[in-house]
PDB file of N, CA and C in Angstrom:
ATOM      1  N   MET A   1     -33.002 -34.960  -9.628  1.00  0.00           N
ATOM      2  CA  MET A   1     -32.246 -33.553  -8.976  1.00  0.00           C
ATOM      3  C   MET A   1     -32.011 -34.066  -7.362  1.00  0.00           C
ATOM      4  N   SER A   2     -30.698 -33.889  -7.083  1.00  0.00           N
ATOM      5  CA  SER A   2     -30.462 -34.499  -5.636  1.00  0.00           C
ATOM      6  C   SER A   2     -30.653 -32.962  -4.780  1.00  0.00           C
ATOM      7  N   ASP A   3     -30.326 -33.047  -3.699  1.00  0.00           N
ATOM      8  CA  ASP A   3     -30.698 -32.087  -2.745  1.00  0.00           C
ATOM      9  C   ASP A   3     -29.529 -30.791  -2.566  1.00  0.00           C
ATOM     10  N   SER A   4     -28.447 -31.305  -3.102  1.00  0.00           N
ATOM     11  CA  SER A   4     -27.490 -30.246  -3.237  1.00  0.00           C
ATOM     12  C   SER A   4     -27.652 -29.205  -4.198  1.00  0.00           C
ATOM     13  N   GLN A   5     -28.119 -29.807  -5.273  1.00  0.00           N
ATOM     14  CA  GLN A   5     -28.431 -28.533  -6.465  1.00  0.00           C
ATOM     15  C   GLN A   5     -28.965 -27.602  -6.454  1.00  0.00           C
ATOM     16  N   TRP A   6     -28.624 -26.591  -6.772  1.00  0.00           N
ATOM     17  CA  TRP A   6     -29.829 -25.264  -6.668  1.00  0.00           C
ATOM     18  C   TRP A   6     -30.641 -24.994  -7.863  1.00  0.00           C
ATOM     19  N   ASP A   7     -31.896 -25.001  -7.518  1.00  0.00           N
ATOM     20  CA  ASP A   7     -33.006 -24.931  -8.459  1.00  0.00           C
ATOM     21  C   ASP A   7     -33.644 -23.450  -8.328  1.00  0.00           C
ATOM     22  N   PRO A   8     -33.198 -22.510  -9.274  1.00  0.00           N
ATOM     23  CA  PRO A   8     -33.878 -21.158  -9.076  1.00  0.00           C
ATOM     24  C   PRO A   8     -35.473 -21.316  -9.308  1.00  0.00           C
ATOM     25  N   SER A   9     -35.997 -22.217  -9.702  1.00  0.00           N
ATOM     26  CA  SER A   9     -37.439 -22.209  -9.872  1.00  0.00           C
ATOM     27  C   SER A   9     -38.294 -22.567  -8.377  1.00  0.00           C
ATOM     28  N   GLN A  10     -37.375 -23.223  -7.702  1.00  0.00           N
ATOM     29  CA  GLN A  10     -38.031 -23.511  -6.174  1.00  0.00           C
ATOM     30  C   GLN A  10     -38.096 -22.329  -5.372  1.00  0.00           C
ATOM     31  N   PRO A  11     -39.335 -21.898  -4.762  1.00  0.00           N
ATOM     32  CA  PRO A  11     -39.537 -20.769  -4.104  1.00  0.00           C
ATOM     33  C   PRO A  11     -38.204 -20.555  -2.800  1.00  0.00           C
ATOM     34  N   HIS A  12     -37.916 -21.824  -2.152  1.00  0.00           N
ATOM     35  CA  HIS A  12     -36.885 -22.144  -0.810  1.00  0.00           C
ATOM     36  C   HIS A  12     -35.735 -21.726  -1.523  1.00  0.00           C
ATOM     37  N   ASN A  13     -35.445 -21.900  -2.693  1.00  0.00           N
ATOM     38  CA  ASN A  13     -33.904 -21.188  -3.198  1.00  0.00           C
ATOM     39  C   ASN A  13     -33.750 -19.954  -3.714  1.00  0.00           C
ATOM     40  N   ALA A  14     -35.097 -19.270  -3.908  1.00  0.00           N
ATOM     41  CA  ALA A  14     -34.754 -17.672  -4.720  1.00  0.00           C
ATOM     42  C   ALA A  14     -34.271 -16.664  -3.745  1.00  0.00           C
ATOM     43  N   LEU A  15     -33.632 -15.989  -4.276  1.00  0.00           N
ATOM     44  CA  LEU A  15     -33.161 -14.874  -3.167  1.00  0.00           C
ATOM     45  C   LEU A  15     -34.213 -13.743  -3.073  1.00  0.00           C
ATOM     46  N   PRO A  16     -34.120 -12.954  -1.623  1.00  0.00           N
ATOM     47  CA  PRO A  16     -35.248 -12.453  -1.513  1.00  0.00           C
ATOM     48  C   PRO A  16     -35.175 -11.269  -2.110  1.00  0.00           C
ATOM     49  N   ALA A  17     -36.608 -10.672  -2.246  1.00  0.00           N
ATOM     50  CA  ALA A  17     -36.834  -9.439  -3.354  1.00  0.00           C
ATOM     51  C   ALA A  17     -36.202  -8.145  -2.328  1.00  0.00           C
ATOM     52  N   LEU A  18     -35.179  -7.523  -2.965  1.00  0.00           N
ATOM     53  CA  LEU A  18     -34.627  -6.407  -2.690  1.00  0.00           C
ATOM     54  C   LEU A  18     -35.060  -5.279  -3.327  1.00  0.00           C
ATOM     55  N   PRO A  19     -35.441  -3.946  -2.611  1.00  0.00           N
ATOM     56  CA  PRO A  19     -35.704  -3.028  -3.584  1.00  0.00           C
ATOM     57  C   PRO A  19     -34.232  -2.325  -3.961  1.00  0.00           C
ATOM     58  N   PRO A  20     -34.599  -1.630  -5.135  1.00  0.00           N
ATOM     59  CA  PRO A  20     -33.473  -1.095  -6.010  1.00  0.00           C
ATOM     60  C   PRO A  20     -32.477  -0.272  -5.017  1.00  0.00           C
ATOM     61  N   ALA A  21     -31.274  -0.351  -5.426  1.00  0.00           N
ATOM     62  CA  ALA A  21     -30.231   0.378  -4.529  1.00  0.00           C
ATOM     63  C   ALA A  21     -30.197   1.589  -4.406  1.00  0.00           C
ATOM     64  N   HIS A  22     -31.025   2.359  -5.455  1.00  0.00           N
ATOM     65  CA  HIS A  22     -31.102   3.747  -5.237  1.00  0.00           C
ATOM     66  C   HIS A  22     -32.053   4.136  -3.956  1.00  0.00           C
ATOM     67  N   GLU A  23     -33.122   3.219  -3.775  1.00  0.00           N
ATOM     68  CA  GLU A  23     -34.157   3.193  -2.685  1.00  0.00           C
ATOM     69  C   GLU A  23     -33.266   3.180  -1.657  1.00  0.00           C
ATOM     70  N   LEU A  24     -32.652   2.104  -1.520  1.00  0.00           N
ATOM     71  CA  LEU A  24     -31.857   1.864  -0.322  1.00  0.00           C
ATOM     72  C   LEU A  24     -31.160   3.179   0.208  1.00  0.00           C
ATOM     73  N   GLU A  25     -30.473   3.748  -0.635  1.00  0.00           N
ATOM     74  CA  GLU A  25     -29.428   4.970  -0.547  1.00  0.00           C
ATOM     75  C   GLU A  25     -30.638   6.025   0.228  1.00  0.00           C
ATOM     76  N   SER A  26     -31.448   6.189  -0.829  1.00  0.00           N
ATOM     77  CA  SER A  26     -32.434   7.199  -0.313  1.00  0.00           C
ATOM     78  C   SER A  26     -33.140   7.100   0.887  1.00  0.00           C
ATOM     79  N   ARG A  27     -33.424   6.095   1.189  1.00  0.00           N
ATOM     80  CA  ARG A  27     -33.786   5.923   2.718  1.00  0.00           C
ATOM     81  C   ARG A  27     -32.728   6.090   3.884  1.00  0.00           C
ATOM     82  N   TYR A  28     -31.376   5.623   3.532  1.00  0.00           N
ATOM     83  CA  TYR A  28     -30.258   5.961   4.521  1.00  0.00           C
ATOM     84  C   TYR A  28     -30.344   7.455   4.584  1.00  0.00           C
ATOM     85  N   VAL A  29     -30.368   8.176   3.344  1.00  0.00           N
ATOM     86  CA  VAL A  29     -29.815   9.541   3.458  1.00  0.00           C
ATOM     87  C   VAL A  29     -31.122  10.172   4.539  1.00  0.00           C
ATOM     88  N   ILE A  30     -32.332   9.931   4.111  1.00  0.00           N
ATOM     89  CA  ILE A  30     -33.534  10.603   4.966  1.00  0.00           C
ATOM     90  C   ILE A  30     -33.336  10.188   6.314  1.00  0.00           C
ATOM     91  N   ALA A  31     -32.605   9.224   6.237  1.00  0.00           N
ATOM     92  CA  ALA A  31     -32.849   8.722   7.920  1.00  0.00           C
ATOM     93  C   ALA A  31     -31.944   9.254   8.736  1.00  0.00           C
ATOM     94  N   HIS A  32     -30.773   9.736   7.957  1.00  0.00           N
ATOM     95  CA  HIS A  32     -29.507  10.178   8.336  1.00  0.00           C
ATOM     96  C   HIS A  32     -29.283  11.694   8.144  1.00  0.00           C
ATOM     97  N   LYS A  33     -30.359  12.237   7.587  1.00  0.00           N
ATOM     98  CA  LYS A  33     -30.121  13.442   7.099  1.00  0.00           C
ATOM     99  C   LYS A  33     -29.239  14.517   7.512  1.00  0.00           C
ATOM    100  N   ALA A  34     -29.287  14.639   9.162  1.00  0.00           N
ATOM    101  CA  ALA A  34     -28.484  15.606   9.844  1.00  0.00           C
ATOM    102  C   ALA A  34     -27.315  15.371   9.788  1.00  0.00           C
ATOM    103  N   ASP A  35     -26.609  14.187   9.984  1.00  0.00           N
ATOM    104  CA  ASP A  35     -25.554  13.552   9.904  1.00  0.00           C
ATOM    105  C   ASP A  35     -24.743  13.953   8.308  1.00  0.00           C
ATOM    106  N   TYR A  36     -25.940  13.519   7.428  1.00  0.00           N
ATOM    107  CA  TYR A  36     -25.376  13.631   6.113  1.00  0.00           C
ATOM    108  C   TYR A  36     -25.077  14.913   5.643  1.00  0.00           C
ATOM    109  N   TYR A  37     -25.569  16.039   5.938  1.00  0.00           N
ATOM    110  CA  TYR A  37     -25.384  17.568   5.731  1.00  0.00           C
ATOM    111  C   TYR A  37     -24.212  18.065   6.688  1.00  0.00           C
ATOM    112  N   ARG A  38     -24.256  17.482   7.934  1.00  0.00           N
ATOM    113  CA  ARG A  38     -23.141  17.912   8.973  1.00  0.00           C
ATOM    114  C   ARG A  38     -21.912  17.314   8.119  1.00  0.00           C
ATOM    115  N   LEU A  39     -21.795  16.430   7.715  1.00  0.00           N
ATOM    116  CA  LEU A  39     -20.576  15.606   6.965  1.00  0.00           C
ATOM    117  C   LEU A  39     -20.277  16.332   5.834  1.00  0.00           C
ATOM    118  N   LEU A  40     -21.327  16.533   4.937  1.00  0.00           N
ATOM    119  CA  LEU A  40     -21.114  17.374   3.365  1.00  0.00           C
ATOM    120  C   LEU A  40     -20.561  18.477   3.878  1.00  0.00           C
ATOM    121  N   GLN A  41     -21.051  19.199   5.105  1.00  0.00           N
ATOM    122  CA  GLN A  41     -20.350  20.618   4.914  1.00  0.00           C
ATOM    123  C   GLN A  41     -19.037  20.617   5.483  1.00  0.00           C
ATOM    124  N   ALA A  42     -18.840  19.687   6.276  1.00  0.00           N
ATOM    125  CA  ALA A  42     -17.308  19.310   6.763  1.00  0.00           C
ATOM    126  C   ALA A  42     -16.712  19.217   5.714  1.00  0.00           C
ATOM    127  N   VAL A  43     -17.032  18.471   4.538  1.00  0.00           N
ATOM    128  CA  VAL A  43     -16.019  18.209   3.526  1.00  0.00           C
ATOM    129  C   VAL A  43     -15.982  19.342   2.525  1.00  0.00           C
ATOM    130  N   ALA A  44     -16.994  20.297   2.488  1.00  0.00           N
ATOM    131  CA  ALA A  44     -17.030  21.821   1.826  1.00  0.00           C
ATOM    132  C   ALA A  44     -16.027  22.694   2.559  1.00  0.00           C
ATOM    133  N   GLN A  45     -15.884  22.705   3.602  1.00  0.00           N
ATOM    134  CA  GLN A  45     -15.082  23.664   4.583  1.00  0.00           C
ATOM    135  C   GLN A  45     -13.418  22.983   4.463  1.00  0.00           C
ATOM    136  N   THR A  46     -13.067  21.498   4.423  1.00  0.00           N
ATOM    137  CA  THR A  46     -12.087  21.355   4.193  1.00  0.00           C
ATOM    138  C   THR A  46     -11.454  21.518   2.852  1.00  0.00           C
ATOM    139  N   SER A  47     -12.260  21.161   2.094  1.00  0.00           N
ATOM    140  CA  SER A  47     -12.116  21.738   0.644  1.00  0.00           C
ATOM    141  C   SER A  47     -11.639  23.102   0.322  1.00  0.00           C
ATOM    142  N   ILE A  48     -12.444  24.080   0.929  1.00  0.00           N
ATOM    143  CA  ILE A  48     -12.111  25.605   0.927  1.00  0.00           C
ATOM    144  C   ILE A  48     -10.943  25.919   1.767  1.00  0.00           C
ATOM    145  N   TRP A  49     -10.398  25.132   2.755  1.00  0.00           N
ATOM    146  CA  TRP A  49      -9.170  25.325   3.515  1.00  0.00           C
ATOM    147  C   TRP A  49      -7.929  24.792   2.775  1.00  0.00           C
ATOM    148  N   THR A  50      -8.063  23.713   2.113  1.00  0.00           N
ATOM    149  CA  THR A  50      -7.148  23.153   1.339  1.00  0.00           C
ATOM    150  C   THR A  50      -6.902  23.837   0.103  1.00  0.00           C
ATOM    151  N   THR A  51      -7.678  24.450  -0.534  1.00  0.00           N
ATOM    152  CA  THR A  51      -7.461  25.282  -1.620  1.00  0.00           C
ATOM    153  C   THR A  51      -6.967  26.406  -1.096  1.00  0.00           C
ATOM    154  N   SER A  52      -7.131  27.093  -0.392  1.00  0.00           N
ATOM    155  CA  SER A  52      -6.577  28.498   0.151  1.00  0.00           C
ATOM    156  C   SER A  52      -5.153  28.177   0.512  1.00  0.00           C
ATOM    157  N   LYS A  53      -4.873  27.042   1.194  1.00  0.00           N
ATOM    158  CA  LYS A  53      -3.381  26.942   1.664  1.00  0.00           C
ATOM    159  C   LYS A  53      -2.464  26.167   0.275  1.00  0.00           C
ATOM    160  N   ILE A  54      -3.135  25.772  -0.608  1.00  0.00           N
ATOM    161  CA  ILE A  54      -2.212  25.600  -1.840  1.00  0.00           C
ATOM    162  C   ILE A  54      -2.242  26.716  -2.700  1.00  0.00           C
ATOM    163  N   ALA A  55      -3.037  27.881  -2.695  1.00  0.00           N
ATOM    164  CA  ALA A  55      -2.937  29.016  -3.353  1.00  0.00           C
ATOM    165  C   ALA A  55      -1.643  30.031  -2.618  1.00  0.00           C
ATOM    166  N   ALA A  56      -1.794  29.867  -1.315  1.00  0.00           N
ATOM    167  CA  ALA A  56      -0.779  30.464  -0.403  1.00  0.00           C
ATOM    168  C   ALA A  56       0.575  29.980  -0.739  1.00  0.00           C
ATOM    169  N   ILE A  57       0.800  28.330  -1.036  1.00  0.00           N
ATOM    170  CA  ILE A  57       2.314  27.958  -1.137  1.00  0.00           C
ATOM    171  C   ILE A  57       2.600  28.269  -2.513  1.00  0.00           C
ATOM    172  N   ARG A  58       1.387  28.363  -3.323  1.00  0.00           N
ATOM    173  CA  ARG A  58       2.108  28.675  -4.744  1.00  0.00           C
ATOM    174  C   ARG A  58       2.366  30.216  -4.994  1.00  0.00           C
ATOM    175  N   GLY A  59       1.713  31.141  -4.312  1.00  0.00           N
ATOM    176  CA  GLY A  59       1.814  32.383  -4.019  1.00  0.00           C
ATOM    177  C   GLY A  59       3.430  32.567  -3.648  1.00  0.00           C
ATOM    178  N   LEU A  60       3.943  31.872  -2.566  1.00  0.00           N
ATOM    179  CA  LEU A  60       4.993  31.847  -1.846  1.00  0.00           C
ATOM    180  C   LEU A  60       6.099  31.231  -2.864  1.00  0.00           C
ATOM    181  N   ALA A  61       5.831  30.626  -3.633  1.00  0.00           N
ATOM    182  CA  ALA A  61       6.709  29.890  -4.294  1.00  0.00           C
ATOM    183  C   ALA A  61       6.942  31.084  -5.564  1.00  0.00           C
ATOM    184  N   GLU A  62       6.188  31.544  -6.089  1.00  0.00           N
ATOM    185  CA  GLU A  62       6.352  32.852  -7.193  1.00  0.00           C
ATOM    186  C   GLU A  62       6.925  33.979  -6.554  1.00  0.00           C
ATOM    187  N   HIS A  63       6.792  34.184  -5.495  1.00  0.00           N
ATOM    188  CA  HIS A  63       7.479  35.408  -4.711  1.00  0.00           C
ATOM    189  C   HIS A  63       8.976  34.689  -4.278  1.00  0.00           C
ATOM    190  N   THR A  64       9.369  33.601  -4.043  1.00  0.00           N
ATOM    191  CA  THR A  64      10.509  33.027  -3.770  1.00  0.00           C
ATOM    192  C   THR A  64      11.220  33.112  -5.334  1.00  0.00           C
ATOM    193  N   THR A  65      10.709  32.609  -6.445  1.00  0.00           N
ATOM    194  CA  THR A  65      11.405  33.093  -7.655  1.00  0.00           C
ATOM    195  C   THR A  65      11.731  33.920  -8.212  1.00  0.00           C
ATOM    196  N   ALA A  66      10.818  35.256  -7.867  1.00  0.00           N
ATOM    197  CA  ALA A  66      11.005  36.635  -8.365  1.00  0.00           C
ATOM    198  C   ALA A  66      12.193  37.124  -7.251  1.00  0.00           C
ATOM    199  N   HIS A  67      12.419  36.767  -6.282  1.00  0.00           N
ATOM    200  CA  HIS A  67      13.229  37.235  -5.218  1.00  0.00           C
ATOM    201  C   HIS A  67      14.735  36.527  -5.691  1.00  0.00           C
ATOM    202  N   VAL A  68      14.864  35.382  -5.881  1.00  0.00           N
ATOM    203  CA  VAL A  68      15.952  35.125  -6.004  1.00  0.00           C
ATOM    204  C   VAL A  68      16.623  35.711  -7.374  1.00  0.00           C
ATOM    205  N   ARG A  69      15.314  35.483  -8.376  1.00  0.00           N
ATOM    206  CA  ARG A  69      15.825  36.012  -9.618  1.00  0.00           C
ATOM    207  C   ARG A  69      16.536  37.397  -9.727  1.00  0.00           C
ATOM    208  N   ALA A  70      15.845  38.460  -8.934  1.00  0.00           N
ATOM    209  CA  ALA A  70      16.066  39.473  -8.731  1.00  0.00           C
ATOM    210  C   ALA A  70      17.684  39.693  -8.127  1.00  0.00           C
ATOM    211  N   ARG A  71      17.790  38.993  -7.077  1.00  0.00           N
ATOM    212  CA  ARG A  71      18.867  39.136  -6.162  1.00  0.00           C
ATOM    213  C   ARG A  71      20.413  38.495  -6.574  1.00  0.00           C
ATOM    214  N   LEU A  72      19.958  37.029  -7.505  1.00  0.00           N
ATOM    215  CA  LEU A  72      21.129  36.606  -7.799  1.00  0.00           C
ATOM    216  C   LEU A  72      20.836  35.844  -9.464  1.00  0.00           C
ATOM    217  N   PRO A  73      20.844  36.972 -10.317  1.00  0.00           N
ATOM    218  CA  PRO A  73      20.478  36.598 -11.659  1.00  0.00           C
ATOM    219  C   PRO A  73      21.431  35.600 -12.381  1.00  0.00           C
ATOM    220  N   LYS A  74      22.771  35.613 -12.022  1.00  0.00           N
ATOM    221  CA  LYS A  74      23.867  34.868 -12.564  1.00  0.00           C
ATOM    222  C   LYS A  74      23.811  33.368 -12.081  1.00  0.00           C
ATOM    223  N   ILE A  75      23.317  33.006 -10.866  1.00  0.00           N
ATOM    224  CA  ILE A  75      22.966  31.762 -10.406  1.00  0.00           C
ATOM    225  C   ILE A  75      21.579  31.101 -10.615  1.00  0.00           C
ATOM    226  N   TYR A  76      20.626  32.017 -10.660  1.00  0.00           N
ATOM    227  CA  TYR A  76      19.164  31.763 -10.746  1.00  0.00           C
ATOM    228  C   TYR A  76      18.897  30.400 -11.931  1.00  0.00           C
ATOM    229  N   THR A  77      18.361  29.461 -11.163  1.00  0.00           N
ATOM    230  CA  THR A  77      17.796  28.763 -12.151  1.00  0.00           C
ATOM    231  C   THR A  77      16.468  28.162 -11.297  1.00  0.00           C
ATOM    232  N   ARG A  78      15.319  27.497 -12.321  1.00  0.00           N
ATOM    233  CA  ARG A  78      14.118  27.242 -11.424  1.00  0.00           C
ATOM    234  C   ARG A  78      14.545  25.817 -10.572  1.00  0.00           C
ATOM    235  N   GLU A  79      15.244  24.973 -11.013  1.00  0.00           N
ATOM    236  CA  GLU A  79      15.860  23.931  -9.714  1.00  0.00           C
ATOM    237  C   GLU A  79      16.409  24.536  -8.728  1.00  0.00           C
ATOM    238  N   LEU A  80      17.187  25.766  -8.638  1.00  0.00           N
ATOM    239  CA  LEU A  80      17.709  26.430  -7.349  1.00  0.00           C
ATOM    240  C   LEU A  80      16.772  26.661  -6.770  1.00  0.00           C
ATOM    241  N   VAL A  81      15.762  27.393  -7.026  1.00  0.00           N
ATOM    242  CA  VAL A  81      14.607  27.709  -6.251  1.00  0.00           C
ATOM    243  C   VAL A  81      13.759  26.657  -5.519  1.00  0.00           C
ATOM    244  N   ASP A  82      13.395  25.558  -6.484  1.00  0.00           N
ATOM    245  CA  ASP A  82      12.728  24.411  -6.019  1.00  0.00           C
ATOM    246  C   ASP A  82      13.556  23.851  -4.833  1.00  0.00           C
ATOM    247  N   VAL A  83      14.792  23.971  -4.884  1.00  0.00           N
ATOM    248  CA  VAL A  83      15.503  23.242  -3.601  1.00  0.00           C
ATOM    249  C   VAL A  83      15.419  24.105  -2.540  1.00  0.00           C
ATOM    250  N   ILE A  84      15.762  25.405  -2.750  1.00  0.00           N
ATOM    251  CA  ILE A  84      15.376  26.189  -1.614  1.00  0.00           C
ATOM    252  C   ILE A  84      14.239  26.348  -1.026  1.00  0.00           C
ATOM    253  N   PHE A  85      13.290  26.253  -1.773  1.00  0.00           N
ATOM    254  CA  PHE A  85      11.546  26.108  -1.355  1.00  0.00           C
ATOM    255  C   PHE A  85      11.326  24.962  -0.688  1.00  0.00           C
ATOM    256  N   GLU A  86      11.685  23.792  -1.344  1.00  0.00           N
ATOM    257  CA  GLU A  86      11.589  22.327  -0.449  1.00  0.00           C
ATOM    258  C   GLU A  86      12.295  22.428   0.665  1.00  0.00           C
ATOM    259  N   GLN A  87      13.661  22.948   0.740  1.00  0.00           N
ATOM    260  CA  GLN A  87      14.659  22.572   1.909  1.00  0.00           C
ATOM    261  C   GLN A  87      15.111  23.854   2.220  1.00  0.00           C
ATOM    262  N   PRO A  88      14.580  24.692   2.856  1.00  0.00           N
ATOM    263  CA  PRO A  88      15.069  25.831   3.338  1.00  0.00           C
ATOM    264  C   PRO A  88      16.540  25.620   4.028  1.00  0.00           C
ATOM    265  N   TYR A  89      16.755  24.572   4.665  1.00  0.00           N
ATOM    266  CA  TYR A  89      18.131  24.146   5.229  1.00  0.00           C
ATOM    267  C   TYR A  89      18.998  23.388   4.293  1.00  0.00           C
ATOM    268  N   CYS A  90      19.098  23.490   3.100  1.00  0.00           N
ATOM    269  CA  CYS A  90      19.497  22.697   2.188  1.00  0.00           C
ATOM    270  C   CYS A  90      21.182  22.586   2.211  1.00  0.00           C
ATOM    271  N   ARG A  91      21.882  21.169   2.259  1.00  0.00           N
ATOM    272  CA  ARG A  91      23.106  21.258   2.043  1.00  0.00           C
ATOM    273  C   ARG A  91      23.702  21.292   0.614  1.00  0.00           C
ATOM    274  N   ILE A  92      24.932  21.202   0.467  1.00  0.00           N
ATOM    275  CA  ILE A  92      25.656  21.233  -0.397  1.00  0.00           C
ATOM    276  C   ILE A  92      24.859  19.599  -1.498  1.00  0.00           C
ATOM    277  N   GLY A  93      24.974  18.759  -0.877  1.00  0.00           N
ATOM    278  CA  GLY A  93      24.454  17.202  -1.072  1.00  0.00           C
ATOM    279  C   GLY A  93      23.191  17.340  -1.642  1.00  0.00           C
ATOM    280  N   ASN A  94      22.577  18.162  -1.167  1.00  0.00           N
ATOM    281  CA  ASN A  94      20.938  18.302  -2.014  1.00  0.00           C
ATOM    282  C   ASN A  94      21.041  18.821  -3.265  1.00  0.00           C
ATOM    283  N   LEU A  95      22.062  20.014  -3.400  1.00  0.00           N
ATOM    284  CA  LEU A  95      22.120  20.716  -4.790  1.00  0.00           C
ATOM    285  C   LEU A  95      22.813  19.709  -5.743  1.00  0.00           C
ATOM    286  N   VAL A  96      23.622  18.703  -5.108  1.00  0.00           N
ATOM    287  CA  VAL A  96      24.308  18.029  -6.252  1.00  0.00           C
ATOM    288  C   VAL A  96      23.465  16.738  -6.723  1.00  0.00           C
ATOM    289  N   ASP A  97      22.546  16.295  -5.472  1.00  0.00           N
ATOM    290  CA  ASP A  97      21.495  15.263  -5.591  1.00  0.00           C
ATOM    291  C   ASP A  97      20.604  15.591  -6.658  1.00  0.00           C
ATOM    292  N   LYS A  98      20.176  16.578  -6.811  1.00  0.00           N
ATOM    293  CA  LYS A  98      19.282  17.460  -7.560  1.00  0.00           C
ATOM    294  C   LYS A  98      19.951  17.549  -9.159  1.00  0.00           C
ATOM    295  N   GLY A  99      21.283  17.692  -9.415  1.00  0.00           N
ATOM    296  CA  GLY A  99      21.836  17.654 -10.517  1.00  0.00           C
ATOM    297  C   GLY A  99      21.755  19.277 -10.885  1.00  0.00           C
ATOM    298  N   ILE A 100      21.723  19.984  -9.869  1.00  0.00           N
ATOM    299  CA  ILE A 100      21.853  21.783  -9.985  1.00  0.00           C
ATOM    300  C   ILE A 100      23.635  21.914 -10.513  1.00  0.00           C
ATOM    301  N   ALA A 101      24.126  21.598  -9.707  1.00  0.00           N
ATOM    302  CA  ALA A 101      25.862  21.718 -10.047  1.00  0.00           C
ATOM    303  C   ALA A 101      26.716  20.837  -9.411  1.00  0.00           C
ATOM    304  N   GLN A 102      27.766  20.537  -9.970  1.00  0.00           N
ATOM    305  CA  GLN A 102      28.643  19.565  -9.427  1.00  0.00           C
ATOM    306  C   GLN A 102      29.092  20.335  -8.095  1.00  0.00           C
ATOM    307  N   ARG A 103      29.758  19.278  -7.232  1.00  0.00           N
ATOM    308  CA  ARG A 103      30.179  19.585  -5.729  1.00  0.00           C
ATOM    309  C   ARG A 103      31.100  20.786  -5.684  1.00  0.00           C
ATOM    310  N   GLN A 104      32.050  21.026  -6.650  1.00  0.00           N
ATOM    311  CA  GLN A 104      32.906  21.997  -6.646  1.00  0.00           C
ATOM    312  C   GLN A 104      32.103  23.398  -6.878  1.00  0.00           C
ATOM    313  N   ALA A 105      31.401  23.516  -7.846  1.00  0.00           N
ATOM    314  CA  ALA A 105      30.521  24.794  -8.098  1.00  0.00           C
ATOM    315  C   ALA A 105      29.624  25.015  -7.099  1.00  0.00           C
ATOM    316  N   CYS A 106      29.147  24.106  -6.466  1.00  0.00           N
ATOM    317  CA  CYS A 106      28.247  24.378  -5.320  1.00  0.00           C
ATOM    318  C   CYS A 106      28.822  24.789  -4.112  1.00  0.00           C
ATOM    319  N   LEU A 107      30.085  24.801  -3.939  1.00  0.00           N
ATOM    320  CA  LEU A 107      30.774  25.236  -2.686  1.00  0.00           C
ATOM    321  C   LEU A 107      30.742  26.773  -2.551  1.00  0.00           C
ATOM    322  N   THR A 108      30.494  27.275  -3.681  1.00  0.00           N
ATOM    323  CA  THR A 108      30.373  29.037  -3.672  1.00  0.00           C
ATOM    324  C   THR A 108      28.880  29.313  -3.533  1.00  0.00           C
ATOM    325  N   LEU A 109      28.011  28.448  -3.510  1.00  0.00           N
ATOM    326  CA  LEU A 109      26.800  28.977  -3.597  1.00  0.00           C
ATOM    327  C   LEU A 109      26.272  29.190  -2.057  1.00  0.00           C
ATOM    328  N   PRO A 110      26.819  28.784  -1.170  1.00  0.00           N
ATOM    329  CA  PRO A 110      26.356  29.172   0.240  1.00  0.00           C
ATOM    330  C   PRO A 110      26.477  30.632   0.378  1.00  0.00           C
ATOM    331  N   ALA A 111      27.607  30.845   0.274  1.00  0.00           N
ATOM    332  CA  ALA A 111      28.043  32.588   0.308  1.00  0.00           C
ATOM    333  C   ALA A 111      27.400  33.412  -0.603  1.00  0.00           C
ATOM    334  N   ARG A 112      27.133  32.831  -1.852  1.00  0.00           N
ATOM    335  CA  ARG A 112      26.044  33.815  -2.834  1.00  0.00           C
ATOM    336  C   ARG A 112      24.629  33.978  -2.038  1.00  0.00           C
ATOM    337  N   THR A 113      23.959  32.405  -2.141  1.00  0.00           N
ATOM    338  CA  THR A 113      22.574  32.572  -1.367  1.00  0.00           C
ATOM    339  C   THR A 113      22.583  32.805  -0.303  1.00  0.00           C
ATOM    340  N   GLY A 114      23.610  33.256   0.738  1.00  0.00           N
ATOM    341  CA  GLY A 114      23.502  33.890   2.038  1.00  0.00           C
ATOM    342  C   GLY A 114      22.972  35.352   1.842  1.00  0.00           C
ATOM    343  N   ARG A 115      23.447  36.054   1.014  1.00  0.00           N
ATOM    344  CA  ARG A 115      23.206  37.307   0.416  1.00  0.00           C
ATOM    345  C   ARG A 115      21.770  37.296   0.101  1.00  0.00           C
ATOM    346  N   LEU A 116      20.908  36.282  -0.227  1.00  0.00           N
ATOM    347  CA  LEU A 116      19.504  36.545  -0.401  1.00  0.00           C
ATOM    348  C   LEU A 116      18.767  37.248   0.724  1.00  0.00           C
ATOM    349  N   GLY A 117      19.238  37.162   2.059  1.00  0.00           N
ATOM    350  CA  GLY A 117      18.358  37.686   3.061  1.00  0.00           C
ATOM    351  C   GLY A 117      17.346  36.520   3.180  1.00  0.00           C
ATOM    352  N   ARG A 118      16.179  37.009   4.051  1.00  0.00           N
ATOM    353  CA  ARG A 118      14.988  36.489   4.097  1.00  0.00           C
ATOM    354  C   ARG A 118      14.298  36.608   3.190  1.00  0.00           C
ATOM    355  N   ILE A 119      13.696  35.733   2.757  1.00  0.00           N
ATOM    356  CA  ILE A 119      12.887  35.542   1.464  1.00  0.00           C
ATOM    357  C   ILE A 119      11.313  35.665   1.841  1.00  0.00           C
ATOM    358  N   ALA A 120      10.750  35.501   2.707  1.00  0.00           N
ATOM    359  CA  ALA A 120       9.467  35.711   2.906  1.00  0.00           C
ATOM    360  C   ALA A 120       9.053  36.334   4.188  1.00  0.00           C
TER     361      ALA A 120
END
């Protein structure tokens, strides 16, 4: 056997013995316990904040849908509300691009939707 070949039976070629991965992780967590729990608390707080914002946005979307449906039932579509909600200052081109109506039909929408007033 040449010197360049690897022989696992030879002690100088064997890998060092390492503790199992879960022991290494446990040691790290124990050694950095304060940081671990501080960061874990930050993740929990961020999660609470994020879910509350998502709930608020969903509530506003439902309110907007009900408002448009009540004030303009003849032109109400879910797609129209989505565009109003996503782009409060939308143009006729935005409505045409989303396939809500043709350009000619969209020309009457600003006058009608202007009667909606403030939604929120």
